Amino acid sequence: CADGQIPGVTKFGRSWVIPDGTEKPQDKRVK
């Protein structure tokens, strides 16, 4: 959320909220 990888996230107070039905983004970490 902090890196902007999930579209449509909003910070509500001190917590992040994610829109219902959002697809899981691709993991860009090198494994």
Full PDB file with SEQRES, HELIX, SHEET, SSBOND, CRYST1, ORIGX, SCALE, CONECT and MASTER records, all heavy atoms in Angstrom:
SEQRES   1 A   31  CYS ALA ASP GLY GLN ILE PRO GLY VAL THR LYS PHE GLY          
SEQRES   2 A   31  ARG SER TRP VAL ILE PRO ASP GLY THR GLU LYS PRO GLN          
SEQRES   3 A   31  ASP LYS ARG VAL LYS                                          
SHEET    1 AA1 2 THR A  10  PHE A  12  0                                        
SHEET    2 AA1 2 SER A  15  VAL A  17 -1                                        
CRYST1    1.000    1.000    1.000  90.00  90.00  90.00 P 1           1          
ORIGX1      1.000000  0.000000  0.000000        0.00000                         
ORIGX2      0.000000  1.000000  0.000000        0.00000                         
ORIGX3      0.000000  0.000000  1.000000        0.00000                         
SCALE1      1.000000  0.000000  0.000000        0.00000                         
SCALE2      0.000000  1.000000  0.000000        0.00000                         
SCALE3      0.000000  0.000000  1.000000        0.00000                         
ATOM      1  N   CYS A   1       0.836  -1.206   0.000  1.00  0.00           N  
ATOM      2  CA  CYS A   1       0.000   0.000   0.000  1.00  0.00           C  
ATOM      3  C   CYS A   1       0.869   1.253   0.000  1.00  0.00           C  
ATOM      4  O   CYS A   1       0.631   2.186  -0.761  1.00  0.00           O  
ATOM      5  CB  CYS A   1      -0.915   0.020   1.221  1.00  0.00           C  
ATOM      6  SG  CYS A   1      -2.220  -1.209   1.198  1.00  0.00           S  
ATOM      7  N   ALA A   2       1.869   1.266   0.860  1.00  0.00           N  
ATOM      8  CA  ALA A   2       2.752   2.426   0.974  1.00  0.00           C  
ATOM      9  C   ALA A   2       3.550   2.669  -0.302  1.00  0.00           C  
ATOM     10  O   ALA A   2       3.840   3.817  -0.652  1.00  0.00           O  
ATOM     11  CB  ALA A   2       3.696   2.243   2.154  1.00  0.00           C  
ATOM     12  N   ASP A   3       3.889   1.606  -1.009  1.00  0.00           N  
ATOM     13  CA  ASP A   3       4.657   1.731  -2.250  1.00  0.00           C  
ATOM     14  C   ASP A   3       3.787   2.029  -3.464  1.00  0.00           C  
ATOM     15  O   ASP A   3       4.302   2.202  -4.562  1.00  0.00           O  
ATOM     16  CB  ASP A   3       5.453   0.445  -2.513  1.00  0.00           C  
ATOM     17  CG  ASP A   3       6.577   0.252  -1.518  1.00  0.00           C  
ATOM     18  OD1 ASP A   3       6.928   1.224  -0.817  1.00  0.00           O  
ATOM     19  OD2 ASP A   3       7.111  -0.874  -1.451  1.00  0.00           O  
ATOM     20  N   GLY A   4       2.464   2.046  -3.286  1.00  0.00           N  
ATOM     21  CA  GLY A   4       1.558   2.357  -4.383  1.00  0.00           C  
ATOM     22  C   GLY A   4       1.340   1.208  -5.348  1.00  0.00           C  
ATOM     23  O   GLY A   4       0.957   1.425  -6.495  1.00  0.00           O  
ATOM     24  N   GLN A   5       1.558  -0.011  -4.906  1.00  0.00           N  
ATOM     25  CA  GLN A   5       1.397  -1.176  -5.782  1.00  0.00           C  
ATOM     26  C   GLN A   5      -0.050  -1.634  -5.885  1.00  0.00           C  
ATOM     27  O   GLN A   5      -0.399  -2.370  -6.793  1.00  0.00           O  
ATOM     28  CB  GLN A   5       2.252  -2.336  -5.268  1.00  0.00           C  
ATOM     29  CG  GLN A   5       3.725  -2.081  -5.345  1.00  0.00           C  
ATOM     30  CD  GLN A   5       4.535  -3.252  -4.810  1.00  0.00           C  
ATOM     31  OE1 GLN A   5       3.982  -4.258  -4.380  1.00  0.00           O  
ATOM     32  NE2 GLN A   5       5.842  -3.118  -4.824  1.00  0.00           N  
ATOM     33  N   ILE A   6      -0.896  -1.196  -4.956  1.00  0.00           N  
ATOM     34  CA  ILE A   6      -2.298  -1.598  -4.963  1.00  0.00           C  
ATOM     35  C   ILE A   6      -3.128  -0.374  -5.366  1.00  0.00           C  
ATOM     36  O   ILE A   6      -3.121   0.641  -4.664  1.00  0.00           O  
ATOM     37  CB  ILE A   6      -2.740  -2.117  -3.583  1.00  0.00           C  
ATOM     38  CG1 ILE A   6      -1.852  -3.288  -3.144  1.00  0.00           C  
ATOM     39  CG2 ILE A   6      -4.197  -2.541  -3.615  1.00  0.00           C  
ATOM     40  CD1 ILE A   6      -2.096  -3.756  -1.732  1.00  0.00           C  
ATOM     41  N   PRO A   7      -3.849  -0.450  -6.483  1.00  0.00           N  
ATOM     42  CA  PRO A   7      -4.625   0.709  -6.931  1.00  0.00           C  
ATOM     43  C   PRO A   7      -5.848   0.956  -6.050  1.00  0.00           C  
ATOM     44  O   PRO A   7      -6.489   0.018  -5.581  1.00  0.00           O  
ATOM     45  CB  PRO A   7      -5.043   0.320  -8.353  1.00  0.00           C  
ATOM     46  CG  PRO A   7      -5.001  -1.161  -8.377  1.00  0.00           C  
ATOM     47  CD  PRO A   7      -3.932  -1.572  -7.409  1.00  0.00           C  
ATOM     48  N   GLY A   8      -6.144   2.219  -5.805  1.00  0.00           N  
ATOM     49  CA  GLY A   8      -7.351   2.598  -5.083  1.00  0.00           C  
ATOM     50  C   GLY A   8      -7.261   2.568  -3.576  1.00  0.00           C  
ATOM     51  O   GLY A   8      -8.270   2.781  -2.908  1.00  0.00           O  
ATOM     52  N   VAL A   9      -6.084   2.321  -3.016  1.00  0.00           N  
ATOM     53  CA  VAL A   9      -5.976   2.289  -1.551  1.00  0.00           C  
ATOM     54  C   VAL A   9      -6.113   3.696  -0.990  1.00  0.00           C  
ATOM     55  O   VAL A   9      -5.768   4.675  -1.634  1.00  0.00           O  
ATOM     56  CB  VAL A   9      -4.660   1.652  -1.059  1.00  0.00           C  
ATOM     57  CG1 VAL A   9      -4.560   0.221  -1.468  1.00  0.00           C  
ATOM     58  CG2 VAL A   9      -3.476   2.432  -1.516  1.00  0.00           C  
ATOM     59  N   THR A  10      -6.643   3.762   0.222  1.00  0.00           N  
ATOM     60  CA  THR A  10      -6.832   5.032   0.895  1.00  0.00           C  
ATOM     61  C   THR A  10      -6.388   4.879   2.336  1.00  0.00           C  
ATOM     62  O   THR A  10      -6.553   3.829   2.931  1.00  0.00           O  
ATOM     63  CB  THR A  10      -8.329   5.425   0.880  1.00  0.00           C  
ATOM     64  OG1 THR A  10      -8.777   5.432  -0.461  1.00  0.00           O  
ATOM     65  CG2 THR A  10      -8.547   6.788   1.480  1.00  0.00           C  
ATOM     66  N   LYS A  11      -5.812   5.929   2.848  1.00  0.00           N  
ATOM     67  CA  LYS A  11      -5.416   5.925   4.250  1.00  0.00           C  
ATOM     68  C   LYS A  11      -6.578   6.508   5.056  1.00  0.00           C  
ATOM     69  O   LYS A  11      -7.034   7.610   4.799  1.00  0.00           O  
ATOM     70  CB  LYS A  11      -4.156   6.746   4.448  1.00  0.00           C  
ATOM     71  CG  LYS A  11      -3.489   6.494   5.757  1.00  0.00           C  
ATOM     72  CD  LYS A  11      -2.040   6.232   5.556  1.00  0.00           C  
ATOM     73  CE  LYS A  11      -1.455   5.803   6.877  1.00  0.00           C  
ATOM     74  NZ  LYS A  11      -0.059   5.954   6.957  1.00  0.00           N  
ATOM     75  N   PHE A  12      -7.083   5.725   5.985  1.00  0.00           N  
ATOM     76  CA  PHE A  12      -8.201   6.133   6.824  1.00  0.00           C  
ATOM     77  C   PHE A  12      -7.684   6.219   8.247  1.00  0.00           C  
ATOM     78  O   PHE A  12      -7.539   5.199   8.927  1.00  0.00           O  
ATOM     79  CB  PHE A  12      -9.338   5.109   6.695  1.00  0.00           C  
ATOM     80  CG  PHE A  12     -10.587   5.498   7.423  1.00  0.00           C  
ATOM     81  CD1 PHE A  12     -11.365   6.540   6.981  1.00  0.00           C  
ATOM     82  CD2 PHE A  12     -10.981   4.800   8.551  1.00  0.00           C  
ATOM     83  CE1 PHE A  12     -12.525   6.896   7.647  1.00  0.00           C  
ATOM     84  CE2 PHE A  12     -12.130   5.140   9.240  1.00  0.00           C  
ATOM     85  CZ  PHE A  12     -12.902   6.187   8.780  1.00  0.00           C  
ATOM     86  N   GLY A  13      -7.345   7.414   8.682  1.00  0.00           N  
ATOM     87  CA  GLY A  13      -6.700   7.578   9.979  1.00  0.00           C  
ATOM     88  C   GLY A  13      -5.269   7.071   9.890  1.00  0.00           C  
ATOM     89  O   GLY A  13      -4.497   7.533   9.067  1.00  0.00           O  
ATOM     90  N   ARG A  14      -4.936   6.078  10.693  1.00  0.00           N  
ATOM     91  CA  ARG A  14      -3.596   5.487  10.638  1.00  0.00           C  
ATOM     92  C   ARG A  14      -3.574   4.162   9.905  1.00  0.00           C  
ATOM     93  O   ARG A  14      -2.549   3.509   9.828  1.00  0.00           O  
ATOM     94  CB  ARG A  14      -3.075   5.273  12.065  1.00  0.00           C  
ATOM     95  CG  ARG A  14      -2.809   6.565  12.771  1.00  0.00           C  
ATOM     96  CD  ARG A  14      -2.308   6.452  14.174  1.00  0.00           C  
ATOM     97  NE  ARG A  14      -2.022   5.122  14.670  1.00  0.00           N  
ATOM     98  CZ  ARG A  14      -1.496   4.870  15.834  1.00  0.00           C  
ATOM     99  NH1 ARG A  14      -1.206   5.859  16.644  1.00  0.00           N  
ATOM    100  NH2 ARG A  14      -1.265   3.639  16.219  1.00  0.00           N  
ATOM    101  N   SER A  15      -4.710   3.754   9.364  1.00  0.00           N  
ATOM    102  CA  SER A  15      -4.819   2.449   8.706  1.00  0.00           C  
ATOM    103  C   SER A  15      -5.094   2.611   7.222  1.00  0.00           C  
ATOM    104  O   SER A  15      -5.706   3.580   6.790  1.00  0.00           O  
ATOM    105  CB  SER A  15      -5.972   1.655   9.324  1.00  0.00           C  
ATOM    106  OG  SER A  15      -5.793   1.501  10.700  1.00  0.00           O  
ATOM    107  N   TRP A  16      -4.659   1.625   6.459  1.00  0.00           N  
ATOM    108  CA  TRP A  16      -4.960   1.580   5.042  1.00  0.00           C  
ATOM    109  C   TRP A  16      -6.259   0.808   4.841  1.00  0.00           C  
ATOM    110  O   TRP A  16      -6.528  -0.157   5.545  1.00  0.00           O  
ATOM    111  CB  TRP A  16      -3.857   0.846   4.283  1.00  0.00           C  
ATOM    112  CG  TRP A  16      -2.553   1.569   4.237  1.00  0.00           C  
ATOM    113  CD1 TRP A  16      -1.481   1.347   5.051  1.00  0.00           C  
ATOM    114  CD2 TRP A  16      -2.169   2.605   3.346  1.00  0.00           C  
ATOM    115  NE1 TRP A  16      -0.454   2.190   4.707  1.00  0.00           N  
ATOM    116  CE2 TRP A  16      -0.854   2.969   3.661  1.00  0.00           C  
ATOM    117  CE3 TRP A  16      -2.817   3.261   2.307  1.00  0.00           C  
ATOM    118  CZ2 TRP A  16      -0.171   3.965   2.969  1.00  0.00           C  
ATOM    119  CZ3 TRP A  16      -2.127   4.242   1.619  1.00  0.00           C  
ATOM    120  CH2 TRP A  16      -0.833   4.594   1.954  1.00  0.00           C  
ATOM    121  N   VAL A  17      -7.055   1.232   3.867  1.00  0.00           N  
ATOM    122  CA  VAL A  17      -8.237   0.475   3.461  1.00  0.00           C  
ATOM    123  C   VAL A  17      -8.126   0.212   1.968  1.00  0.00           C  
ATOM    124  O   VAL A  17      -7.654   1.054   1.207  1.00  0.00           O  
ATOM    125  CB  VAL A  17      -9.555   1.202   3.805  1.00  0.00           C  
ATOM    126  CG1 VAL A  17      -9.804   1.196   5.296  1.00  0.00           C  
ATOM    127  CG2 VAL A  17      -9.591   2.602   3.264  1.00  0.00           C  
ATOM    128  N   ILE A  18      -8.535  -0.971   1.562  1.00  0.00           N  
ATOM    129  CA  ILE A  18      -8.368  -1.430   0.184  1.00  0.00           C  
ATOM    130  C   ILE A  18      -9.759  -1.699  -0.386  1.00  0.00           C  
ATOM    131  O   ILE A  18     -10.573  -2.366   0.265  1.00  0.00           O  
ATOM    132  CB  ILE A  18      -7.502  -2.705   0.160  1.00  0.00           C  
ATOM    133  CG1 ILE A  18      -6.144  -2.399   0.778  1.00  0.00           C  
ATOM    134  CG2 ILE A  18      -7.358  -3.237  -1.256  1.00  0.00           C  
ATOM    135  CD1 ILE A  18      -5.325  -3.601   1.130  1.00  0.00           C  
ATOM    136  N   PRO A  19     -10.045  -1.189  -1.594  1.00  0.00           N  
ATOM    137  CA  PRO A  19     -11.366  -1.429  -2.181  1.00  0.00           C  
ATOM    138  C   PRO A  19     -11.655  -2.917  -2.318  1.00  0.00           C  
ATOM    139  O   PRO A  19     -10.783  -3.711  -2.661  1.00  0.00           O  
ATOM    140  CB  PRO A  19     -11.279  -0.768  -3.558  1.00  0.00           C  
ATOM    141  CG  PRO A  19     -10.159   0.200  -3.462  1.00  0.00           C  
ATOM    142  CD  PRO A  19      -9.206  -0.367  -2.457  1.00  0.00           C  
ATOM    143  N   ASP A  20     -12.894  -3.279  -2.057  1.00  0.00           N  
ATOM    144  CA  ASP A  20     -13.334  -4.667  -2.161  1.00  0.00           C  
ATOM    145  C   ASP A  20     -13.240  -5.112  -3.618  1.00  0.00           C  
ATOM    146  O   ASP A  20     -13.606  -4.377  -4.525  1.00  0.00           O  
ATOM    147  CB  ASP A  20     -14.778  -4.775  -1.664  1.00  0.00           C  
ATOM    148  CG  ASP A  20     -15.214  -6.205  -1.459  1.00  0.00           C  
ATOM    149  OD1 ASP A  20     -14.357  -7.093  -1.459  1.00  0.00           O  
ATOM    150  OD2 ASP A  20     -16.427  -6.415  -1.281  1.00  0.00           O  
ATOM    151  N   GLY A  21     -12.718  -6.303  -3.849  1.00  0.00           N  
ATOM    152  CA  GLY A  21     -12.603  -6.841  -5.208  1.00  0.00           C  
ATOM    153  C   GLY A  21     -11.311  -6.489  -5.911  1.00  0.00           C  
ATOM    154  O   GLY A  21     -11.156  -6.769  -7.098  1.00  0.00           O  
ATOM    155  N   THR A  22     -10.372  -5.868  -5.213  1.00  0.00           N  
ATOM    156  CA  THR A  22      -9.089  -5.523  -5.811  1.00  0.00           C  
ATOM    157  C   THR A  22      -8.279  -6.782  -6.079  1.00  0.00           C  
ATOM    158  O   THR A  22      -8.199  -7.669  -5.236  1.00  0.00           O  
ATOM    159  CB  THR A  22      -8.286  -4.578  -4.878  1.00  0.00           C  
ATOM    160  OG1 THR A  22      -9.066  -3.423  -4.621  1.00  0.00           O  
ATOM    161  CG2 THR A  22      -6.971  -4.168  -5.507  1.00  0.00           C  
ATOM    162  N   GLU A  23      -7.692  -6.863  -7.251  1.00  0.00           N  
ATOM    163  CA  GLU A  23      -6.857  -8.008  -7.635  1.00  0.00           C  
ATOM    164  C   GLU A  23      -5.509  -7.928  -6.931  1.00  0.00           C  
ATOM    165  O   GLU A  23      -4.976  -6.835  -6.710  1.00  0.00           O  
ATOM    166  CB  GLU A  23      -6.628  -8.006  -9.145  1.00  0.00           C  
ATOM    167  CG  GLU A  23      -7.885  -8.151  -9.966  1.00  0.00           C  
ATOM    168  CD  GLU A  23      -8.325  -9.585 -10.095  1.00  0.00           C  
ATOM    169  OE1 GLU A  23      -7.465 -10.476 -10.062  1.00  0.00           O  
ATOM    170  OE2 GLU A  23      -9.535  -9.800 -10.204  1.00  0.00           O  
ATOM    171  N   LYS A  24      -4.939  -9.076  -6.636  1.00  0.00           N  
ATOM    172  CA  LYS A  24      -3.610  -9.136  -6.033  1.00  0.00           C  
ATOM    173  C   LYS A  24      -2.575  -8.712  -7.077  1.00  0.00           C  
ATOM    174  O   LYS A  24      -2.517  -9.288  -8.164  1.00  0.00           O  
ATOM    175  CB  LYS A  24      -3.311 -10.560  -5.559  1.00  0.00           C  
ATOM    176  CG  LYS A  24      -1.949 -10.725  -4.926  1.00  0.00           C  
ATOM    177  CD  LYS A  24      -1.742 -12.157  -4.481  1.00  0.00           C  
ATOM    178  CE  LYS A  24      -0.359 -12.368  -3.922  1.00  0.00           C  
ATOM    179  NZ  LYS A  24      -0.135 -13.761  -3.533  1.00  0.00           N  
ATOM    180  N   PRO A  25      -1.753  -7.685  -6.777  1.00  0.00           N  
ATOM    181  CA  PRO A  25      -0.739  -7.271  -7.740  1.00  0.00           C  
ATOM    182  C   PRO A  25       0.386  -8.295  -7.841  1.00  0.00           C  
ATOM    183  O   PRO A  25       0.596  -9.114  -6.933  1.00  0.00           O  
ATOM    184  CB  PRO A  25      -0.220  -5.944  -7.185  1.00  0.00           C  
ATOM    185  CG  PRO A  25      -0.578  -5.956  -5.757  1.00  0.00           C  
ATOM    186  CD  PRO A  25      -1.763  -6.846  -5.599  1.00  0.00           C  
ATOM    187  N   GLN A  26       1.104  -8.231  -8.929  1.00  0.00           N  
ATOM    188  CA  GLN A  26       2.230  -9.147  -9.144  1.00  0.00           C  
ATOM    189  C   GLN A  26       3.335  -8.833  -8.152  1.00  0.00           C  
ATOM    190  O   GLN A  26       3.648  -7.672  -7.890  1.00  0.00           O  
ATOM    191  CB  GLN A  26       2.745  -8.998 -10.562  1.00  0.00           C  
ATOM    192  CG  GLN A  26       3.855  -9.948 -10.907  1.00  0.00           C  
ATOM    193  CD  GLN A  26       4.330  -9.774 -12.346  1.00  0.00           C  
ATOM    194  OE1 GLN A  26       3.888  -8.875 -13.044  1.00  0.00           O  
ATOM    195  NE2 GLN A  26       5.218 -10.617 -12.753  1.00  0.00           N  
ATOM    196  N   ASP A  27       3.933  -9.869  -7.596  1.00  0.00           N  
ATOM    197  CA  ASP A  27       5.027  -9.720  -6.643  1.00  0.00           C  
ATOM    198  C   ASP A  27       6.303  -9.429  -7.418  1.00  0.00           C  
ATOM    199  O   ASP A  27       6.752 -10.249  -8.213  1.00  0.00           O  
ATOM    200  CB  ASP A  27       5.172 -10.999  -5.821  1.00  0.00           C  
ATOM    201  CG  ASP A  27       6.086 -10.828  -4.631  1.00  0.00           C  
ATOM    202  OD1 ASP A  27       6.670  -9.735  -4.462  1.00  0.00           O  
ATOM    203  OD2 ASP A  27       6.219 -11.788  -3.865  1.00  0.00           O  
ATOM    204  N   LYS A  28       6.894  -8.253  -7.194  1.00  0.00           N  
ATOM    205  CA  LYS A  28       8.068  -7.839  -7.963  1.00  0.00           C  
ATOM    206  C   LYS A  28       9.383  -8.103  -7.237  1.00  0.00           C  
ATOM    207  O   LYS A  28      10.430  -7.697  -7.699  1.00  0.00           O  
ATOM    208  CB  LYS A  28       7.944  -6.352  -8.302  1.00  0.00           C  
ATOM    209  CG  LYS A  28       6.763  -6.078  -9.200  1.00  0.00           C  
ATOM    210  CD  LYS A  28       6.677  -4.637  -9.570  1.00  0.00           C  
ATOM    211  CE  LYS A  28       5.460  -4.415 -10.458  1.00  0.00           C  
ATOM    212  NZ  LYS A  28       5.329  -3.019 -10.846  1.00  0.00           N  
ATOM    213  N   ARG A  29       9.308  -8.812  -6.096  1.00  0.00           N  
ATOM    214  CA  ARG A  29      10.545  -9.122  -5.388  1.00  0.00           C  
ATOM    215  C   ARG A  29      11.297 -10.219  -6.137  1.00  0.00           C  
ATOM    216  O   ARG A  29      10.702 -11.100  -6.750  1.00  0.00           O  
ATOM    217  CB  ARG A  29      10.248  -9.613  -3.969  1.00  0.00           C  
ATOM    218  CG  ARG A  29       9.605  -8.568  -3.099  1.00  0.00           C  
ATOM    219  CD  ARG A  29       9.263  -9.128  -1.754  1.00  0.00           C  
ATOM    220  NE  ARG A  29       8.207 -10.119  -1.906  1.00  0.00           N  
ATOM    221  CZ  ARG A  29       7.783 -10.905  -0.930  1.00  0.00           C  
ATOM    222  NH1 ARG A  29       8.322 -10.829   0.257  1.00  0.00           N  
ATOM    223  NH2 ARG A  29       6.822 -11.767  -1.140  1.00  0.00           N  
ATOM    224  N   VAL A  30      12.627 -10.161  -6.084  1.00  0.00           N  
ATOM    225  CA  VAL A  30      13.463 -11.168  -6.732  1.00  0.00           C  
ATOM    226  C   VAL A  30      13.638 -12.331  -5.772  1.00  0.00           C  
ATOM    227  O   VAL A  30      14.161 -12.175  -4.680  1.00  0.00           O  
ATOM    228  CB  VAL A  30      14.835 -10.578  -7.121  1.00  0.00           C  
ATOM    229  CG1 VAL A  30      15.724 -11.637  -7.708  1.00  0.00           C  
ATOM    230  CG2 VAL A  30      14.658  -9.429  -8.089  1.00  0.00           C  
ATOM    231  N   LYS A  31      13.162 -13.506  -6.165  1.00  0.00           N  
ATOM    232  CA  LYS A  31      13.248 -14.682  -5.308  1.00  0.00           C  
ATOM    233  C   LYS A  31      14.106 -15.780  -5.930  1.00  0.00           C  
ATOM    234  O   LYS A  31      14.229 -16.847  -5.383  1.00  0.00           O  
ATOM    235  CB  LYS A  31      11.845 -15.247  -5.066  1.00  0.00           C  
ATOM    236  CG  LYS A  31      10.906 -14.306  -4.390  1.00  0.00           C  
ATOM    237  CD  LYS A  31       9.588 -14.994  -4.183  1.00  0.00           C  
ATOM    238  CE  LYS A  31       8.492 -14.043  -3.860  1.00  0.00           C  
ATOM    239  NZ  LYS A  31       7.199 -14.707  -3.764  1.00  0.00           N  
TER     240      LYS A  31                                                      
MASTER        0    0    0    0    2    0    0    6  239    1    0    3          
END                                                                             
